Amino acid sequence: MPMAKRRSRIEQYVKDGKDLTKWNTFVALETYVQLQEKFGWDAFKKVFAAYHTMKDVPKDNKSKMNLYAVTFSEAVGMDLSEFFKAWGWPIEGDTEKKLSRLPAWNDHPMTKYN
């Protein structure tokens, strides 16, 4: 997808207040693309492998999103909480505290939209 189209979708999502009720396929895919561009496909393989062995995966979306943030962060060895928060994810204080031992991803692509 052309970068201009990607940027336009991001800007519209941000303009709409990073509202998760307006989360759609292309917004979701953009988060994946940004993660893939930085960390490559191996990061996703690690995340999916971790999920394959997990027990007691939460049922509610907020907890699932926090689990994903923790799992991806641990897979890449970086604190991605600010990246996910920049997309409007409901990252909890406990998640941030857990990830604070990792170096932060301070130059993530969403910094320009904050």
PDB file of N, CA and C in Angstrom:
ATOM      1  N   MET A   1       0.843  -1.170   0.000  1.00  0.00           N
ATOM      2  CA  MET A   1       0.000   0.000   0.000  1.00  0.00           C
ATOM      3  C   MET A   1       0.897   1.243   0.000  1.00  0.00           C
ATOM      4  N   PRO A   2       0.551   2.221  -0.816  1.00  0.00           N
ATOM      5  CA  PRO A   2       1.365   3.438  -0.874  1.00  0.00           C
ATOM      6  C   PRO A   2       1.427   4.143   0.488  1.00  0.00           C
ATOM      7  N   MET A   3       2.589   4.704   0.781  1.00  0.00           N
ATOM      8  CA  MET A   3       2.801   5.379   2.059  1.00  0.00           C
ATOM      9  C   MET A   3       1.809   6.521   2.261  1.00  0.00           C
ATOM     10  N   ALA A   4       1.473   7.235   1.198  1.00  0.00           N
ATOM     11  CA  ALA A   4       0.529   8.354   1.336  1.00  0.00           C
ATOM     12  C   ALA A   4      -0.835   7.866   1.825  1.00  0.00           C
ATOM     13  N   LYS A   5      -1.279   6.727   1.337  1.00  0.00           N
ATOM     14  CA  LYS A   5      -2.562   6.165   1.767  1.00  0.00           C
ATOM     15  C   LYS A   5      -2.474   5.708   3.216  1.00  0.00           C
ATOM     16  N   ARG A   6      -1.365   5.081   3.574  1.00  0.00           N
ATOM     17  CA  ARG A   6      -1.158   4.648   4.962  1.00  0.00           C
ATOM     18  C   ARG A   6      -1.210   5.861   5.885  1.00  0.00           C
ATOM     19  N   ARG A   7      -0.463   6.888   5.525  1.00  0.00           N
ATOM     20  CA  ARG A   7      -0.396   8.101   6.348  1.00  0.00           C
ATOM     21  C   ARG A   7      -1.781   8.730   6.499  1.00  0.00           C
ATOM     22  N   SER A   8      -2.528   8.767   5.419  1.00  0.00           N
ATOM     23  CA  SER A   8      -3.875   9.340   5.450  1.00  0.00           C
ATOM     24  C   SER A   8      -4.780   8.587   6.421  1.00  0.00           C
ATOM     25  N   ARG A   9      -4.705   7.279   6.417  1.00  0.00           N
ATOM     26  CA  ARG A   9      -5.530   6.476   7.333  1.00  0.00           C
ATOM     27  C   ARG A   9      -5.120   6.695   8.786  1.00  0.00           C
ATOM     28  N   ILE A  10      -3.814   6.771   9.015  1.00  0.00           N
ATOM     29  CA  ILE A  10      -3.330   7.024  10.377  1.00  0.00           C
ATOM     30  C   ILE A  10      -3.820   8.390  10.847  1.00  0.00           C
ATOM     31  N   GLU A  11      -3.637   9.396  10.004  1.00  0.00           N
ATOM     32  CA  GLU A  11      -4.038  10.753  10.372  1.00  0.00           C
ATOM     33  C   GLU A  11      -5.532  10.832  10.665  1.00  0.00           C
ATOM     34  N   GLN A  12      -6.348  10.138   9.894  1.00  0.00           N
ATOM     35  CA  GLN A  12      -7.790  10.146  10.138  1.00  0.00           C
ATOM     36  C   GLN A  12      -8.116   9.472  11.463  1.00  0.00           C
ATOM     37  N   TYR A  13      -7.462   8.363  11.745  1.00  0.00           N
ATOM     38  CA  TYR A  13      -7.688   7.646  13.001  1.00  0.00           C
ATOM     39  C   TYR A  13      -7.302   8.530  14.192  1.00  0.00           C
ATOM     40  N   VAL A  14      -6.165   9.207  14.082  1.00  0.00           N
ATOM     41  CA  VAL A  14      -5.716  10.108  15.151  1.00  0.00           C
ATOM     42  C   VAL A  14      -6.689  11.279  15.285  1.00  0.00           C
ATOM     43  N   LYS A  15      -7.090  11.861  14.157  1.00  0.00           N
ATOM     44  CA  LYS A  15      -8.041  12.984  14.165  1.00  0.00           C
ATOM     45  C   LYS A  15      -9.358  12.586  14.829  1.00  0.00           C
ATOM     46  N   ASP A  16      -9.762  11.344  14.646  1.00  0.00           N
ATOM     47  CA  ASP A  16     -11.002  10.841  15.252  1.00  0.00           C
ATOM     48  C   ASP A  16     -10.830  10.474  16.721  1.00  0.00           C
ATOM     49  N   GLY A  17      -9.666  10.785  17.285  1.00  0.00           N
ATOM     50  CA  GLY A  17      -9.449  10.583  18.712  1.00  0.00           C
ATOM     51  C   GLY A  17      -8.928   9.215  19.105  1.00  0.00           C
ATOM     52  N   LYS A  18      -8.322   8.490  18.146  1.00  0.00           N
ATOM     53  CA  LYS A  18      -7.785   7.147  18.432  1.00  0.00           C
ATOM     54  C   LYS A  18      -8.849   6.290  19.106  1.00  0.00           C
ATOM     55  N   ASP A  19     -10.022   6.356  18.548  1.00  0.00           N
ATOM     56  CA  ASP A  19     -11.206   5.701  19.097  1.00  0.00           C
ATOM     57  C   ASP A  19     -11.227   4.228  18.692  1.00  0.00           C
ATOM     58  N   LEU A  20     -11.098   3.351  19.677  1.00  0.00           N
ATOM     59  CA  LEU A  20     -11.068   1.916  19.383  1.00  0.00           C
ATOM     60  C   LEU A  20     -12.374   1.405  18.787  1.00  0.00           C
ATOM     61  N   THR A  21     -13.458   2.140  18.952  1.00  0.00           N
ATOM     62  CA  THR A  21     -14.705   1.710  18.309  1.00  0.00           C
ATOM     63  C   THR A  21     -14.638   1.925  16.798  1.00  0.00           C
ATOM     64  N   LYS A  22     -13.666   2.720  16.349  1.00  0.00           N
ATOM     65  CA  LYS A  22     -13.467   2.942  14.914  1.00  0.00           C
ATOM     66  C   LYS A  22     -12.293   2.122  14.380  1.00  0.00           C
ATOM     67  N   TRP A  23     -11.821   1.204  15.209  1.00  0.00           N
ATOM     68  CA  TRP A  23     -10.733   0.304  14.820  1.00  0.00           C
ATOM     69  C   TRP A  23     -11.244  -0.556  13.671  1.00  0.00           C
ATOM     70  N   ASN A  24     -10.539  -0.555  12.564  1.00  0.00           N
ATOM     71  CA  ASN A  24     -10.958  -1.370  11.426  1.00  0.00           C
ATOM     72  C   ASN A  24      -9.779  -2.188  10.918  1.00  0.00           C
ATOM     73  N   THR A  25     -10.018  -2.953   9.907  1.00  0.00           N
ATOM     74  CA  THR A  25      -8.990  -3.854   9.385  1.00  0.00           C
ATOM     75  C   THR A  25      -7.725  -3.105   9.004  1.00  0.00           C
ATOM     76  N   PHE A  26      -7.868  -1.988   8.301  1.00  0.00           N
ATOM     77  CA  PHE A  26      -6.681  -1.277   7.845  1.00  0.00           C
ATOM     78  C   PHE A  26      -5.917  -0.618   8.983  1.00  0.00           C
ATOM     79  N   VAL A  27      -6.616  -0.135   9.985  1.00  0.00           N
ATOM     80  CA  VAL A  27      -5.932   0.422  11.161  1.00  0.00           C
ATOM     81  C   VAL A  27      -5.168  -0.690  11.871  1.00  0.00           C
ATOM     82  N   ALA A  28      -5.816  -1.825  12.052  1.00  0.00           N
ATOM     83  CA  ALA A  28      -5.156  -2.958  12.702  1.00  0.00           C
ATOM     84  C   ALA A  28      -3.940  -3.408  11.906  1.00  0.00           C
ATOM     85  N   LEU A  29      -4.088  -3.503  10.598  1.00  0.00           N
ATOM     86  CA  LEU A  29      -2.965  -3.931   9.765  1.00  0.00           C
ATOM     87  C   LEU A  29      -1.813  -2.936   9.815  1.00  0.00           C
ATOM     88  N   GLU A  30      -2.128  -1.657   9.935  1.00  0.00           N
ATOM     89  CA  GLU A  30      -1.061  -0.651  10.014  1.00  0.00           C
ATOM     90  C   GLU A  30      -0.202  -0.860  11.257  1.00  0.00           C
ATOM     91  N   THR A  31      -0.820  -1.212  12.373  1.00  0.00           N
ATOM     92  CA  THR A  31      -0.007  -1.480  13.565  1.00  0.00           C
ATOM     93  C   THR A  31       0.922  -2.657  13.303  1.00  0.00           C
ATOM     94  N   TYR A  32       0.416  -3.683  12.635  1.00  0.00           N
ATOM     95  CA  TYR A  32       1.254  -4.845  12.301  1.00  0.00           C
ATOM     96  C   TYR A  32       2.382  -4.447  11.353  1.00  0.00           C
ATOM     97  N   VAL A  33       2.061  -3.638  10.348  1.00  0.00           N
ATOM     98  CA  VAL A  33       3.080  -3.208   9.388  1.00  0.00           C
ATOM     99  C   VAL A  33       4.183  -2.431  10.104  1.00  0.00           C
ATOM    100  N   GLN A  34       3.800  -1.524  10.997  1.00  0.00           N
ATOM    101  CA  GLN A  34       4.810  -0.745  11.717  1.00  0.00           C
ATOM    102  C   GLN A  34       5.691  -1.643  12.576  1.00  0.00           C
ATOM    103  N   LEU A  35       5.091  -2.615  13.224  1.00  0.00           N
ATOM    104  CA  LEU A  35       5.878  -3.557  14.026  1.00  0.00           C
ATOM    105  C   LEU A  35       6.781  -4.399  13.129  1.00  0.00           C
ATOM    106  N   GLN A  36       6.257  -4.853  11.996  1.00  0.00           N
ATOM    107  CA  GLN A  36       7.050  -5.673  11.077  1.00  0.00           C
ATOM    108  C   GLN A  36       8.208  -4.873  10.494  1.00  0.00           C
ATOM    109  N   GLU A  37       7.978  -3.616  10.151  1.00  0.00           N
ATOM    110  CA  GLU A  37       9.042  -2.794   9.579  1.00  0.00           C
ATOM    111  C   GLU A  37      10.195  -2.609  10.562  1.00  0.00           C
ATOM    112  N   LYS A  38       9.887  -2.505  11.831  1.00  0.00           N
ATOM    113  CA  LYS A  38      10.928  -2.314  12.850  1.00  0.00           C
ATOM    114  C   LYS A  38      11.574  -3.632  13.268  1.00  0.00           C
ATOM    115  N   PHE A  39      10.767  -4.660  13.502  1.00  0.00           N
ATOM    116  CA  PHE A  39      11.265  -5.874  14.152  1.00  0.00           C
ATOM    117  C   PHE A  39      11.315  -7.107  13.257  1.00  0.00           C
ATOM    118  N   GLY A  40      10.737  -7.035  12.070  1.00  0.00           N
ATOM    119  CA  GLY A  40      10.770  -8.161  11.144  1.00  0.00           C
ATOM    120  C   GLY A  40       9.750  -9.239  11.475  1.00  0.00           C
ATOM    121  N   TRP A  41       9.684 -10.228  10.590  1.00  0.00           N
ATOM    122  CA  TRP A  41       8.709 -11.311  10.743  1.00  0.00           C
ATOM    123  C   TRP A  41       9.062 -12.261  11.873  1.00  0.00           C
ATOM    124  N   ASP A  42      10.344 -12.373  12.202  1.00  0.00           N
ATOM    125  CA  ASP A  42      10.730 -13.282  13.292  1.00  0.00           C
ATOM    126  C   ASP A  42      10.069 -12.894  14.612  1.00  0.00           C
ATOM    127  N   ALA A  43       9.858 -11.613  14.818  1.00  0.00           N
ATOM    128  CA  ALA A  43       9.181 -11.170  16.043  1.00  0.00           C
ATOM    129  C   ALA A  43       7.773 -11.749  16.110  1.00  0.00           C
ATOM    130  N   PHE A  44       7.078 -11.740  14.995  1.00  0.00           N
ATOM    131  CA  PHE A  44       5.724 -12.301  14.967  1.00  0.00           C
ATOM    132  C   PHE A  44       5.751 -13.805  15.218  1.00  0.00           C
ATOM    133  N   LYS A  45       6.748 -14.472  14.664  1.00  0.00           N
ATOM    134  CA  LYS A  45       6.879 -15.915  14.902  1.00  0.00           C
ATOM    135  C   LYS A  45       7.055 -16.197  16.391  1.00  0.00           C
ATOM    136  N   LYS A  46       7.869 -15.381  17.053  1.00  0.00           N
ATOM    137  CA  LYS A  46       8.070 -15.546  18.499  1.00  0.00           C
ATOM    138  C   LYS A  46       6.777 -15.293  19.274  1.00  0.00           C
ATOM    139  N   VAL A  47       6.063 -14.257  18.892  1.00  0.00           N
ATOM    140  CA  VAL A  47       4.802 -13.925  19.571  1.00  0.00           C
ATOM    141  C   VAL A  47       3.791 -15.046  19.388  1.00  0.00           C
ATOM    142  N   PHE A  48       3.636 -15.510  18.154  1.00  0.00           N
ATOM    143  CA  PHE A  48       2.659 -16.572  17.892  1.00  0.00           C
ATOM    144  C   PHE A  48       3.048 -17.863  18.593  1.00  0.00           C
ATOM    145  N   ALA A  49       4.342 -18.153  18.666  1.00  0.00           N
ATOM    146  CA  ALA A  49       4.798 -19.346  19.391  1.00  0.00           C
ATOM    147  C   ALA A  49       4.486 -19.218  20.876  1.00  0.00           C
ATOM    148  N   ALA A  50       4.672 -18.027  21.423  1.00  0.00           N
ATOM    149  CA  ALA A  50       4.364 -17.808  22.842  1.00  0.00           C
ATOM    150  C   ALA A  50       2.873 -18.014  23.100  1.00  0.00           C
ATOM    151  N   TYR A  51       2.038 -17.498  22.220  1.00  0.00           N
ATOM    152  CA  TYR A  51       0.592 -17.677  22.381  1.00  0.00           C
ATOM    153  C   TYR A  51       0.192 -19.146  22.286  1.00  0.00           C
ATOM    154  N   HIS A  52       0.889 -19.880  21.456  1.00  0.00           N
ATOM    155  CA  HIS A  52       0.567 -21.298  21.263  1.00  0.00           C
ATOM    156  C   HIS A  52       0.713 -22.096  22.557  1.00  0.00           C
ATOM    157  N   THR A  53       1.612 -21.666  23.424  1.00  0.00           N
ATOM    158  CA  THR A  53       1.855 -22.399  24.674  1.00  0.00           C
ATOM    159  C   THR A  53       1.172 -21.771  25.887  1.00  0.00           C
ATOM    160  N   MET A  54       0.481 -20.653  25.694  1.00  0.00           N
ATOM    161  CA  MET A  54      -0.152 -19.957  26.824  1.00  0.00           C
ATOM    162  C   MET A  54      -1.369 -20.708  27.336  1.00  0.00           C
ATOM    163  N   LYS A  55      -1.525 -20.591  28.620  1.00  0.00           N
ATOM    164  CA  LYS A  55      -2.727 -21.103  29.270  1.00  0.00           C
ATOM    165  C   LYS A  55      -3.421 -19.899  29.917  1.00  0.00           C
ATOM    166  N   ASP A  56      -4.692 -19.983  30.124  1.00  0.00           N
ATOM    167  CA  ASP A  56      -5.459 -18.924  30.792  1.00  0.00           C
ATOM    168  C   ASP A  56      -5.363 -17.575  30.077  1.00  0.00           C
ATOM    169  N   VAL A  57      -5.570 -17.571  28.784  1.00  0.00           N
ATOM    170  CA  VAL A  57      -5.607 -16.316  28.032  1.00  0.00           C
ATOM    171  C   VAL A  57      -6.877 -15.571  28.444  1.00  0.00           C
ATOM    172  N   PRO A  58      -6.767 -14.273  28.738  1.00  0.00           N
ATOM    173  CA  PRO A  58      -7.939 -13.523  29.196  1.00  0.00           C
ATOM    174  C   PRO A  58      -9.042 -13.493  28.147  1.00  0.00           C
ATOM    175  N   LYS A  59     -10.241 -13.242  28.619  1.00  0.00           N
ATOM    176  CA  LYS A  59     -11.418 -13.223  27.739  1.00  0.00           C
ATOM    177  C   LYS A  59     -11.776 -11.814  27.262  1.00  0.00           C
ATOM    178  N   ASP A  60     -11.493 -10.807  28.087  1.00  0.00           N
ATOM    179  CA  ASP A  60     -11.896  -9.444  27.721  1.00  0.00           C
ATOM    180  C   ASP A  60     -10.829  -8.772  26.856  1.00  0.00           C
ATOM    181  N   ASN A  61     -11.272  -7.866  25.977  1.00  0.00           N
ATOM    182  CA  ASN A  61     -10.371  -7.226  25.021  1.00  0.00           C
ATOM    183  C   ASN A  61      -9.261  -6.422  25.676  1.00  0.00           C
ATOM    184  N   LYS A  62      -9.576  -5.676  26.727  1.00  0.00           N
ATOM    185  CA  LYS A  62      -8.559  -4.854  27.385  1.00  0.00           C
ATOM    186  C   LYS A  62      -7.414  -5.725  27.891  1.00  0.00           C
ATOM    187  N   SER A  63      -7.736  -6.817  28.537  1.00  0.00           N
ATOM    188  CA  SER A  63      -6.697  -7.719  29.047  1.00  0.00           C
ATOM    189  C   SER A  63      -5.946  -8.392  27.908  1.00  0.00           C
ATOM    190  N   LYS A  64      -6.657  -8.741  26.839  1.00  0.00           N
ATOM    191  CA  LYS A  64      -5.999  -9.347  25.674  1.00  0.00           C
ATOM    192  C   LYS A  64      -5.004  -8.375  25.047  1.00  0.00           C
ATOM    193  N   MET A  65      -5.389  -7.104  24.968  1.00  0.00           N
ATOM    194  CA  MET A  65      -4.508  -6.098  24.378  1.00  0.00           C
ATOM    195  C   MET A  65      -3.266  -5.892  25.240  1.00  0.00           C
ATOM    196  N   ASN A  66      -3.437  -5.896  26.541  1.00  0.00           N
ATOM    197  CA  ASN A  66      -2.292  -5.763  27.438  1.00  0.00           C
ATOM    198  C   ASN A  66      -1.387  -6.982  27.344  1.00  0.00           C
ATOM    199  N   LEU A  67      -1.971  -8.161  27.243  1.00  0.00           N
ATOM    200  CA  LEU A  67      -1.181  -9.380  27.079  1.00  0.00           C
ATOM    201  C   LEU A  67      -0.385  -9.332  25.782  1.00  0.00           C
ATOM    202  N   TYR A  68      -1.000  -8.873  24.707  1.00  0.00           N
ATOM    203  CA  TYR A  68      -0.304  -8.757  23.426  1.00  0.00           C
ATOM    204  C   TYR A  68       0.861  -7.772  23.535  1.00  0.00           C
ATOM    205  N   ALA A  69       0.632  -6.639  24.200  1.00  0.00           N
ATOM    206  CA  ALA A  69       1.697  -5.648  24.376  1.00  0.00           C
ATOM    207  C   ALA A  69       2.865  -6.240  25.152  1.00  0.00           C
ATOM    208  N   VAL A  70       2.578  -6.982  26.201  1.00  0.00           N
ATOM    209  CA  VAL A  70       3.631  -7.624  26.996  1.00  0.00           C
ATOM    210  C   VAL A  70       4.340  -8.686  26.167  1.00  0.00           C
ATOM    211  N   THR A  71       3.580  -9.524  25.499  1.00  0.00           N
ATOM    212  CA  THR A  71       4.158 -10.628  24.733  1.00  0.00           C
ATOM    213  C   THR A  71       5.043 -10.115  23.607  1.00  0.00           C
ATOM    214  N   PHE A  72       4.571  -9.116  22.869  1.00  0.00           N
ATOM    215  CA  PHE A  72       5.380  -8.577  21.771  1.00  0.00           C
ATOM    216  C   PHE A  72       6.613  -7.869  22.322  1.00  0.00           C
ATOM    217  N   SER A  73       6.440  -7.108  23.378  1.00  0.00           N
ATOM    218  CA  SER A  73       7.579  -6.408  23.987  1.00  0.00           C
ATOM    219  C   SER A  73       8.653  -7.387  24.427  1.00  0.00           C
ATOM    220  N   GLU A  74       8.237  -8.441  25.086  1.00  0.00           N
ATOM    221  CA  GLU A  74       9.205  -9.438  25.550  1.00  0.00           C
ATOM    222  C   GLU A  74       9.858 -10.158  24.378  1.00  0.00           C
ATOM    223  N   ALA A  75       9.124 -10.378  23.300  1.00  0.00           N
ATOM    224  CA  ALA A  75       9.679 -11.055  22.126  1.00  0.00           C
ATOM    225  C   ALA A  75      10.782 -10.233  21.471  1.00  0.00           C
ATOM    226  N   VAL A  76      10.634  -8.907  21.487  1.00  0.00           N
ATOM    227  CA  VAL A  76      11.619  -8.049  20.823  1.00  0.00           C
ATOM    228  C   VAL A  76      12.593  -7.394  21.797  1.00  0.00           C
ATOM    229  N   GLY A  77      12.368  -7.571  23.091  1.00  0.00           N
ATOM    230  CA  GLY A  77      13.272  -7.005  24.088  1.00  0.00           C
ATOM    231  C   GLY A  77      13.189  -5.498  24.215  1.00  0.00           C
ATOM    232  N   MET A  78      12.019  -4.942  23.909  1.00  0.00           N
ATOM    233  CA  MET A  78      11.807  -3.502  24.038  1.00  0.00           C
ATOM    234  C   MET A  78      10.433  -3.247  24.633  1.00  0.00           C
ATOM    235  N   ASP A  79      10.310  -2.157  25.371  1.00  0.00           N
ATOM    236  CA  ASP A  79       9.030  -1.738  25.944  1.00  0.00           C
ATOM    237  C   ASP A  79       8.227  -1.031  24.855  1.00  0.00           C
ATOM    238  N   LEU A  80       7.171  -1.679  24.392  1.00  0.00           N
ATOM    239  CA  LEU A  80       6.342  -1.131  23.325  1.00  0.00           C
ATOM    240  C   LEU A  80       5.072  -0.462  23.847  1.00  0.00           C
ATOM    241  N   SER A  81       4.996  -0.252  25.152  1.00  0.00           N
ATOM    242  CA  SER A  81       3.755   0.280  25.724  1.00  0.00           C
ATOM    243  C   SER A  81       3.393   1.649  25.146  1.00  0.00           C
ATOM    244  N   GLU A  82       4.363   2.524  24.942  1.00  0.00           N
ATOM    245  CA  GLU A  82       4.063   3.855  24.393  1.00  0.00           C
ATOM    246  C   GLU A  82       3.576   3.760  22.950  1.00  0.00           C
ATOM    247  N   PHE A  83       4.109   2.818  22.192  1.00  0.00           N
ATOM    248  CA  PHE A  83       3.634   2.593  20.825  1.00  0.00           C
ATOM    249  C   PHE A  83       2.157   2.209  20.831  1.00  0.00           C
ATOM    250  N   PHE A  84       1.815   1.227  21.656  1.00  0.00           N
ATOM    251  CA  PHE A  84       0.420   0.791  21.702  1.00  0.00           C
ATOM    252  C   PHE A  84      -0.495   1.882  22.271  1.00  0.00           C
ATOM    253  N   LYS A  85      -0.025   2.624  23.253  1.00  0.00           N
ATOM    254  CA  LYS A  85      -0.821   3.731  23.794  1.00  0.00           C
ATOM    255  C   LYS A  85      -1.048   4.803  22.729  1.00  0.00           C
ATOM    256  N   ALA A  86      -0.045   5.017  21.874  1.00  0.00           N
ATOM    257  CA  ALA A  86      -0.181   6.000  20.804  1.00  0.00           C
ATOM    258  C   ALA A  86      -1.273   5.607  19.812  1.00  0.00           C
ATOM    259  N   TRP A  87      -1.577   4.325  19.755  1.00  0.00           N
ATOM    260  CA  TRP A  87      -2.681   3.837  18.918  1.00  0.00           C
ATOM    261  C   TRP A  87      -4.005   3.831  19.682  1.00  0.00           C
ATOM    262  N   GLY A  88      -3.982   4.252  20.935  1.00  0.00           N
ATOM    263  CA  GLY A  88      -5.209   4.323  21.719  1.00  0.00           C
ATOM    264  C   GLY A  88      -5.522   3.061  22.500  1.00  0.00           C
ATOM    265  N   TRP A  89      -4.555   2.153  22.579  1.00  0.00           N
ATOM    266  CA  TRP A  89      -4.785   0.917  23.332  1.00  0.00           C
ATOM    267  C   TRP A  89      -4.858   1.233  24.820  1.00  0.00           C
ATOM    268  N   PRO A  90      -5.698   0.530  25.549  1.00  0.00           N
ATOM    269  CA  PRO A  90      -5.860   0.762  26.993  1.00  0.00           C
ATOM    270  C   PRO A  90      -4.770   0.055  27.809  1.00  0.00           C
ATOM    271  N   ILE A  91      -3.548   0.530  27.661  1.00  0.00           N
ATOM    272  CA  ILE A  91      -2.424  -0.090  28.367  1.00  0.00           C
ATOM    273  C   ILE A  91      -2.494   0.301  29.839  1.00  0.00           C
ATOM    274  N   GLU A  92      -2.507  -0.704  30.689  1.00  0.00           N
ATOM    275  CA  GLU A  92      -2.663  -0.494  32.129  1.00  0.00           C
ATOM    276  C   GLU A  92      -1.324  -0.196  32.798  1.00  0.00           C
ATOM    277  N   GLY A  93      -1.408   0.433  33.960  1.00  0.00           N
ATOM    278  CA  GLY A  93      -0.216   0.747  34.742  1.00  0.00           C
ATOM    279  C   GLY A  93       0.606  -0.483  35.079  1.00  0.00           C
ATOM    280  N   ASP A  94      -0.053  -1.590  35.391  1.00  0.00           N
ATOM    281  CA  ASP A  94       0.669  -2.831  35.698  1.00  0.00           C
ATOM    282  C   ASP A  94       1.477  -3.308  34.501  1.00  0.00           C
ATOM    283  N   THR A  95       0.928  -3.140  33.310  1.00  0.00           N
ATOM    284  CA  THR A  95       1.644  -3.523  32.086  1.00  0.00           C
ATOM    285  C   THR A  95       2.863  -2.632  31.904  1.00  0.00           C
ATOM    286  N   GLU A  96       2.676  -1.331  32.069  1.00  0.00           N
ATOM    287  CA  GLU A  96       3.797  -0.400  31.935  1.00  0.00           C
ATOM    288  C   GLU A  96       4.890  -0.711  32.950  1.00  0.00           C
ATOM    289  N   LYS A  97       4.488  -0.997  34.171  1.00  0.00           N
ATOM    290  CA  LYS A  97       5.458  -1.323  35.218  1.00  0.00           C
ATOM    291  C   LYS A  97       6.230  -2.591  34.857  1.00  0.00           C
ATOM    292  N   LYS A  98       5.526  -3.595  34.379  1.00  0.00           N
ATOM    293  CA  LYS A  98       6.160  -4.855  34.004  1.00  0.00           C
ATOM    294  C   LYS A  98       7.175  -4.653  32.879  1.00  0.00           C
ATOM    295  N   LEU A  99       6.854  -3.781  31.945  1.00  0.00           N
ATOM    296  CA  LEU A  99       7.722  -3.571  30.785  1.00  0.00           C
ATOM    297  C   LEU A  99       8.807  -2.527  31.027  1.00  0.00           C
ATOM    298  N   SER A 100       8.746  -1.820  32.126  1.00  0.00           N
ATOM    299  CA  SER A 100       9.695  -0.727  32.385  1.00  0.00           C
ATOM    300  C   SER A 100      11.141  -1.203  32.510  1.00  0.00           C
ATOM    301  N   ARG A 101      11.344  -2.489  32.702  1.00  0.00           N
ATOM    302  CA  ARG A 101      12.709  -3.028  32.790  1.00  0.00           C
ATOM    303  C   ARG A 101      13.372  -3.110  31.410  1.00  0.00           C
ATOM    304  N   LEU A 102      12.566  -2.993  30.359  1.00  0.00           N
ATOM    305  CA  LEU A 102      13.073  -3.070  28.993  1.00  0.00           C
ATOM    306  C   LEU A 102      13.343  -1.668  28.452  1.00  0.00           C
ATOM    307  N   PRO A 103      14.288  -1.538  27.511  1.00  0.00           N
ATOM    308  CA  PRO A 103      14.485  -0.225  26.889  1.00  0.00           C
ATOM    309  C   PRO A 103      13.238   0.165  26.097  1.00  0.00           C
ATOM    310  N   ALA A 104      12.884   1.429  26.172  1.00  0.00           N
ATOM    311  CA  ALA A 104      11.671   1.915  25.503  1.00  0.00           C
ATOM    312  C   ALA A 104      11.916   2.117  24.009  1.00  0.00           C
ATOM    313  N   TRP A 105      10.875   1.889  23.229  1.00  0.00           N
ATOM    314  CA  TRP A 105      10.905   2.192  21.797  1.00  0.00           C
ATOM    315  C   TRP A 105      10.458   3.641  21.651  1.00  0.00           C
ATOM    316  N   ASN A 106      11.406   4.565  21.776  1.00  0.00           N
ATOM    317  CA  ASN A 106      11.092   5.994  21.809  1.00  0.00           C
ATOM    318  C   ASN A 106      10.893   6.626  20.439  1.00  0.00           C
ATOM    319  N   ASP A 107      11.407   5.983  19.399  1.00  0.00           N
ATOM    320  CA  ASP A 107      11.303   6.576  18.061  1.00  0.00           C
ATOM    321  C   ASP A 107      10.283   5.837  17.192  1.00  0.00           C
ATOM    322  N   HIS A 108       9.246   5.296  17.836  1.00  0.00           N
ATOM    323  CA  HIS A 108       8.244   4.551  17.071  1.00  0.00           C
ATOM    324  C   HIS A 108       7.505   5.487  16.108  1.00  0.00           C
ATOM    325  N   PRO A 109       6.915   4.934  15.057  1.00  0.00           N
ATOM    326  CA  PRO A 109       6.310   5.762  14.008  1.00  0.00           C
ATOM    327  C   PRO A 109       5.152   6.647  14.454  1.00  0.00           C
ATOM    328  N   MET A 110       4.539   6.351  15.580  1.00  0.00           N
ATOM    329  CA  MET A 110       3.390   7.140  16.021  1.00  0.00           C
ATOM    330  C   MET A 110       3.790   8.376  16.823  1.00  0.00           C
ATOM    331  N   THR A 111       5.082   8.547  17.127  1.00  0.00           N
ATOM    332  CA  THR A 111       5.502   9.718  17.907  1.00  0.00           C
ATOM    333  C   THR A 111       5.128  11.020  17.205  1.00  0.00           C
ATOM    334  N   LYS A 112       5.132  11.022  15.899  1.00  0.00           N
ATOM    335  CA  LYS A 112       4.800  12.250  15.160  1.00  0.00           C
ATOM    336  C   LYS A 112       3.326  12.624  15.250  1.00  0.00           C
ATOM    337  N   TYR A 113       2.502  11.716  15.754  1.00  0.00           N
ATOM    338  CA  TYR A 113       1.064  11.974  15.858  1.00  0.00           C
ATOM    339  C   TYR A 113       0.621  12.287  17.281  1.00  0.00           C
ATOM    340  N   ASN A 114       1.553  12.308  18.229  1.00  0.00           N
ATOM    341  CA  ASN A 114       1.204  12.587  19.633  1.00  0.00           C
ATOM    342  C   ASN A 114       1.188  14.069  19.910  1.00  0.00           C
TER     343      ASN A 114
END
